[in-house]
Amino acid sequence: MRWIIATIALACASAAHAEPHRIVSLDYCADQFVLALADREQIAALSVGSLRDDSYFRDRARGIRQTRGTLEEVLALRPDLVVRNWGGPWDAEQVYARFHVPVLQVGDSPDFNLARADLLGAAATLGHASRGEAIARDLDARLARLAAHRSNAPVMYLSGGGAVAGRGTMMDAAITAAGGRNIRTEASWQVLPLERLVQTPPALIALAFFDTSRDRVNAWSPSRHPTLRRALANARTVTLPPAAVSCEAWYAIDAAEAIQAALGTP
């Protein structure tokens, strides 16, 4: 009898671990994983950024409690799982371990293979592995459709803040998946090379955050330079949905599809 009771207790403990019931998300990039994969009843709180215009699943966030992500506020919510990308303390895993609360780190995937693995890992931790697998299958199918058409046309991504994406970024992966060729071969993010853009413009410039408050934060941003504005007016451009590119995750596939469509490939 004691063995049976112990077995049942172990099974219940495993189930509780597999499916947390009070999830707290610390930033709007982490919010997207929680909103895509968890049941609404599992979510104790999302971040205060969950309703931003560049929050991919913001419509699902309506009516869910928000938190600023301070340690005291989060612990008061009695979480059994904290999910983060960049929110909260930089050593969140160690900090919350002192209170026996596990932390799931998500996001910042530089390509679709790693984004897929990140998605599946998060789904398993949230107790909905099959939900993650369904999203992953959809991602695979969309990537396959994109791969059937490759133009190798030169493409550049430019943010409203004047940054361009190089190697090792999800935007570089999106351009490649779209069948284009990123003209920025340097690693990571760089400041806009205005002279090169004007002298040798790419076939397509993918833009994001030019019509949001982010563009108005810094009046000295290179993206506000009159020369650039004239170059953009004469260039072939595509405006990407900010929510698809605000965080490096699987839903950047939306941006890849928009880029391929703008390149004129079916």
Protein backbone atom coordinates (compact mmCIF):
# COMPACT_ATOMS: atom_id res chain seq x y z
CA MET A 1 0.00 0.00 0.00
CA ARG A 2 2.82 2.40 0.88
CA TRP A 3 4.42 1.62 -2.49
CA ILE A 4 1.17 2.45 -4.31
CA ILE A 5 0.76 5.72 -2.41
CA ALA A 6 4.36 6.67 -3.16
CA THR A 7 3.87 5.89 -6.84
CA ILE A 8 0.73 8.03 -7.02
CA ALA A 9 2.49 10.87 -5.21
CA LEU A 10 5.40 10.69 -7.62
CA ALA A 11 3.06 10.74 -10.61
CA CYS A 12 1.22 13.76 -9.24
CA ALA A 13 4.49 15.55 -8.59
CA SER A 14 5.66 14.81 -12.13
CA ALA A 15 2.38 16.06 -13.59
CA ALA A 16 2.60 19.23 -11.55
CA HIS A 17 6.15 19.78 -12.79
CA ALA A 18 5.13 19.09 -16.38
CA GLU A 19 2.24 21.52 -16.32
CA PRO A 20 2.79 24.63 -14.18
CA HIS A 21 -0.35 26.35 -12.93
CA ARG A 22 0.92 29.83 -12.00
CA ILE A 23 3.16 31.12 -14.79
CA VAL A 24 4.59 34.63 -14.58
CA SER A 25 6.23 36.23 -17.63
CA LEU A 26 8.79 38.98 -17.09
CA ASP A 27 8.98 40.70 -20.50
CA TYR A 28 6.99 40.99 -23.71
CA CYS A 29 9.27 38.62 -25.65
CA ALA A 30 8.64 35.94 -23.03
CA ASP A 31 4.94 36.82 -23.11
CA GLN A 32 4.70 35.51 -26.66
CA PHE A 33 5.80 32.01 -25.67
CA VAL A 34 3.36 31.93 -22.78
CA LEU A 35 0.46 33.24 -24.86
CA ALA A 36 1.17 30.84 -27.73
CA LEU A 37 1.67 27.71 -25.65
CA ALA A 38 -0.01 27.92 -22.24
CA ASP A 39 -3.67 27.73 -21.31
CA ARG A 40 -5.10 31.03 -20.14
CA GLU A 41 -5.86 29.47 -16.75
CA GLN A 42 -2.15 28.71 -16.28
CA ILE A 43 -1.08 32.35 -16.55
CA ALA A 44 -0.78 34.25 -13.28
CA ALA A 45 0.62 37.39 -14.95
CA LEU A 46 2.20 38.76 -18.10
CA SER A 47 4.57 41.69 -18.42
CA VAL A 48 3.38 45.29 -18.69
CA GLY A 49 4.47 45.17 -22.34
CA SER A 50 2.09 42.39 -23.31
CA LEU A 51 -0.32 44.81 -25.00
CA ARG A 52 2.29 46.81 -26.93
CA ASP A 53 1.71 47.23 -30.65
CA ASP A 54 4.77 45.10 -31.32
CA SER A 55 3.64 42.28 -29.03
CA TYR A 56 2.84 39.45 -31.45
CA PHE A 57 0.01 37.85 -29.47
CA ARG A 58 -1.24 41.06 -27.85
CA ASP A 59 -4.88 40.24 -28.65
CA ARG A 60 -4.63 37.12 -26.49
CA ALA A 61 -3.19 39.17 -23.63
CA ARG A 62 -6.28 41.26 -23.05
CA GLY A 63 -7.76 40.79 -19.60
CA ILE A 64 -4.74 38.99 -18.15
CA ARG A 65 -3.04 40.47 -15.12
CA GLN A 66 0.19 42.37 -15.70
CA THR A 67 3.34 42.67 -13.64
CA ARG A 68 6.28 45.06 -13.70
CA GLY A 69 8.52 42.09 -13.01
CA THR A 70 10.06 43.20 -9.72
CA LEU A 71 11.11 40.34 -7.46
CA GLU A 72 8.68 41.31 -4.71
CA GLU A 73 5.73 41.64 -7.06
CA VAL A 74 6.45 38.36 -8.82
CA LEU A 75 6.87 36.38 -5.60
CA ALA A 76 3.58 37.80 -4.31
CA LEU A 77 1.91 36.09 -7.28
CA ARG A 78 3.14 32.69 -5.96
CA PRO A 79 4.51 31.47 -9.34
CA ASP A 80 5.48 27.89 -9.98
CA LEU A 81 7.31 28.96 -13.16
CA VAL A 82 8.88 32.24 -14.27
CA VAL A 83 9.44 32.77 -18.01
CA ARG A 84 11.87 35.40 -19.28
CA ASN A 85 13.89 36.60 -22.22
CA TRP A 86 15.52 39.76 -20.88
CA GLY A 87 13.17 40.87 -18.08
CA GLY A 88 13.89 40.78 -14.37
CA PRO A 89 17.35 40.35 -12.84
CA TRP A 90 20.12 39.25 -15.22
CA ASP A 91 20.78 36.27 -12.93
CA ALA A 92 17.09 35.44 -12.62
CA GLU A 93 17.62 31.69 -12.50
CA GLN A 94 19.88 31.95 -9.44
CA VAL A 95 17.72 34.61 -7.78
CA TYR A 96 14.47 32.66 -8.10
CA ALA A 97 16.16 29.39 -7.19
CA ARG A 98 16.52 30.78 -3.67
CA PHE A 99 12.72 30.73 -3.51
CA HIS A 100 12.42 27.34 -5.23
CA VAL A 101 10.87 28.85 -8.37
CA PRO A 102 12.21 27.52 -11.69
CA VAL A 103 12.99 29.95 -14.53
CA LEU A 104 12.52 29.19 -18.22
CA GLN A 105 14.81 31.24 -20.48
CA VAL A 106 13.41 31.75 -24.00
CA GLY A 107 14.06 33.73 -27.15
CA ASP A 108 17.10 35.34 -28.80
CA SER A 109 17.27 32.62 -31.45
CA PRO A 110 19.56 33.63 -34.35
CA ASP A 111 17.98 31.25 -36.88
CA PHE A 112 14.86 29.20 -37.48
CA ASN A 113 16.40 25.86 -36.44
CA LEU A 114 17.24 27.21 -33.00
CA ALA A 115 13.91 29.05 -32.82
CA ARG A 116 12.15 25.75 -33.53
CA ALA A 117 14.08 23.99 -30.77
CA ASP A 118 13.38 26.88 -28.38
CA LEU A 119 9.67 26.65 -29.17
CA LEU A 120 9.53 22.89 -28.60
CA GLY A 121 11.49 23.12 -25.35
CA ALA A 122 9.21 25.83 -24.02
CA ALA A 123 6.10 23.88 -25.01
CA ALA A 124 7.31 20.82 -23.12
CA THR A 125 8.11 22.88 -20.01
CA LEU A 126 4.70 24.55 -20.10
CA GLY A 127 3.03 21.15 -20.33
CA HIS A 128 1.81 21.40 -23.92
CA ALA A 129 4.34 19.59 -26.07
CA SER A 130 1.78 18.77 -28.76
CA ARG A 131 0.90 22.46 -29.09
CA GLY A 132 4.51 23.30 -29.77
CA GLU A 133 4.82 20.45 -32.24
CA ALA A 134 1.83 21.76 -34.20
CA ILE A 135 3.38 25.23 -34.44
CA ALA A 136 6.70 23.68 -35.44
CA ARG A 137 5.04 21.69 -38.24
CA ASP A 138 3.46 24.88 -39.55
CA LEU A 139 6.84 26.61 -39.41
CA ASP A 140 8.47 23.73 -41.30
CA ALA A 141 5.81 23.83 -44.02
CA ARG A 142 6.18 27.58 -44.48
CA LEU A 143 9.97 27.34 -44.64
CA ALA A 144 9.67 24.60 -47.25
CA ARG A 145 7.42 26.78 -49.40
CA LEU A 146 9.90 29.64 -49.17
CA ALA A 147 12.82 27.36 -50.04
CA ALA A 148 11.20 26.41 -53.33
CA HIS A 149 11.88 29.91 -54.68
CA ARG A 150 15.26 31.61 -54.38
CA SER A 151 16.19 34.84 -56.17
CA ASN A 152 19.48 35.55 -54.35
CA ALA A 153 18.64 39.23 -54.72
CA PRO A 154 20.53 41.58 -52.36
CA VAL A 155 18.41 42.63 -49.39
CA MET A 156 19.06 44.87 -46.40
CA TYR A 157 17.05 45.16 -43.20
CA LEU A 158 16.88 48.63 -41.66
CA SER A 159 15.19 49.48 -38.38
CA GLY A 160 13.65 52.82 -37.53
CA GLY A 161 16.51 53.38 -35.10
CA GLY A 162 19.09 53.16 -37.88
CA ALA A 163 20.41 49.64 -37.16
CA VAL A 164 21.02 47.05 -39.87
CA ALA A 165 21.09 43.29 -39.35
CA GLY A 166 24.17 41.20 -40.11
CA ARG A 167 25.14 37.57 -39.64
CA GLY A 168 23.95 35.75 -36.56
CA THR A 169 20.63 37.58 -36.29
CA MET A 170 17.12 36.33 -36.90
CA MET A 171 16.64 39.00 -39.54
CA ASP A 172 19.59 37.58 -41.46
CA ALA A 173 17.92 34.18 -41.22
CA ALA A 174 14.61 35.65 -42.43
CA ILE A 175 16.28 37.22 -45.47
CA THR A 176 17.99 33.91 -46.29
CA ALA A 177 14.78 31.93 -45.80
CA ALA A 178 13.03 34.36 -48.16
CA GLY A 179 15.52 33.49 -50.88
CA GLY A 180 17.39 36.76 -50.67
CA ARG A 181 21.01 37.56 -49.88
CA ASN A 182 21.77 39.82 -46.94
CA ILE A 183 24.19 42.51 -48.11
CA ARG A 184 25.46 42.92 -44.55
CA THR A 185 28.12 40.25 -44.05
CA GLU A 186 29.39 41.62 -40.74
CA ALA A 187 28.29 39.87 -37.58
CA SER A 188 25.39 41.07 -35.43
CA TRP A 189 23.90 44.57 -35.64
CA GLN A 190 25.66 47.57 -37.12
CA VAL A 191 24.96 51.28 -37.58
CA LEU A 192 23.50 52.13 -40.97
CA PRO A 193 26.24 52.49 -43.65
CA LEU A 194 24.60 55.51 -45.27
CA GLU A 195 27.25 56.07 -47.96
CA ARG A 196 27.11 52.49 -49.19
CA LEU A 197 23.33 52.49 -49.22
CA VAL A 198 23.24 55.61 -51.38
CA GLN A 199 26.02 54.48 -53.73
CA THR A 200 25.04 50.82 -54.16
CA PRO A 201 21.42 50.35 -53.05
CA PRO A 202 20.19 46.77 -52.61
CA ALA A 203 17.37 45.29 -54.66
CA LEU A 204 15.11 45.51 -51.61
CA ILE A 205 15.20 47.29 -48.26
CA ALA A 206 13.09 45.71 -45.52
CA LEU A 207 11.94 48.30 -42.99
CA ALA A 208 10.44 48.10 -39.53
CA PHE A 209 9.57 50.51 -36.72
CA PHE A 210 9.56 53.60 -38.95
CA ASP A 211 5.97 54.44 -38.05
CA THR A 212 6.11 53.73 -34.34
CA SER A 213 7.22 55.64 -31.27
CA ARG A 214 10.57 53.86 -31.46
CA ASP A 215 11.48 56.00 -34.47
CA ARG A 216 10.76 59.16 -32.51
CA VAL A 217 12.87 58.30 -29.49
CA ASN A 218 16.15 59.55 -30.95
CA ALA A 219 15.99 62.62 -33.18
CA TRP A 220 19.63 61.98 -34.17
CA SER A 221 18.97 58.50 -35.52
CA PRO A 222 20.57 57.88 -38.95
CA SER A 223 17.12 56.85 -40.16
CA ARG A 224 16.06 60.51 -39.93
CA HIS A 225 18.87 61.73 -42.18
CA PRO A 226 17.47 63.62 -45.22
CA THR A 227 19.78 61.71 -47.57
CA LEU A 228 18.45 58.41 -46.32
CA ARG A 229 14.86 59.61 -46.60
CA ARG A 230 15.47 60.52 -50.24
CA ALA A 231 17.18 57.18 -50.90
CA LEU A 232 14.25 55.29 -49.37
CA ALA A 233 11.77 57.28 -51.43
CA ASN A 234 13.50 56.04 -54.59
CA ALA A 235 14.22 52.49 -53.41
CA ARG A 236 12.19 49.31 -53.48
CA THR A 237 11.07 48.72 -49.91
CA VAL A 238 8.83 46.45 -47.89
CA THR A 239 7.50 47.36 -44.46
CA LEU A 240 7.57 44.44 -42.06
CA PRO A 241 5.04 44.08 -39.23
CA PRO A 242 6.86 45.24 -36.06
CA ALA A 243 5.40 42.40 -34.00
CA ALA A 244 7.03 39.82 -36.29
CA VAL A 245 10.53 41.20 -35.77
CA SER A 246 10.49 42.76 -32.29
CA CYS A 247 11.76 39.52 -30.73
CA GLU A 248 13.93 36.78 -32.22
CA ALA A 249 11.53 33.83 -32.31
CA TRP A 250 9.76 31.45 -34.69
CA TYR A 251 7.11 33.97 -35.80
CA ALA A 252 9.78 35.91 -37.73
CA ILE A 253 8.60 33.58 -40.51
CA ASP A 254 5.98 36.29 -41.18
CA ALA A 255 8.81 38.67 -42.06
CA ALA A 256 10.47 36.10 -44.33
CA GLU A 257 7.23 35.63 -46.25
CA ALA A 258 6.76 39.38 -46.62
CA ILE A 259 10.30 39.76 -47.95
CA GLN A 260 9.85 36.99 -50.51
CA ALA A 261 6.57 38.45 -51.68
CA ALA A 262 8.23 41.85 -52.11
CA LEU A 263 11.04 40.26 -54.13
CA GLY A 264 8.38 39.15 -56.57
CA THR A 265 8.72 35.41 -56.04
CA PRO A 266 5.53 33.40 -55.53
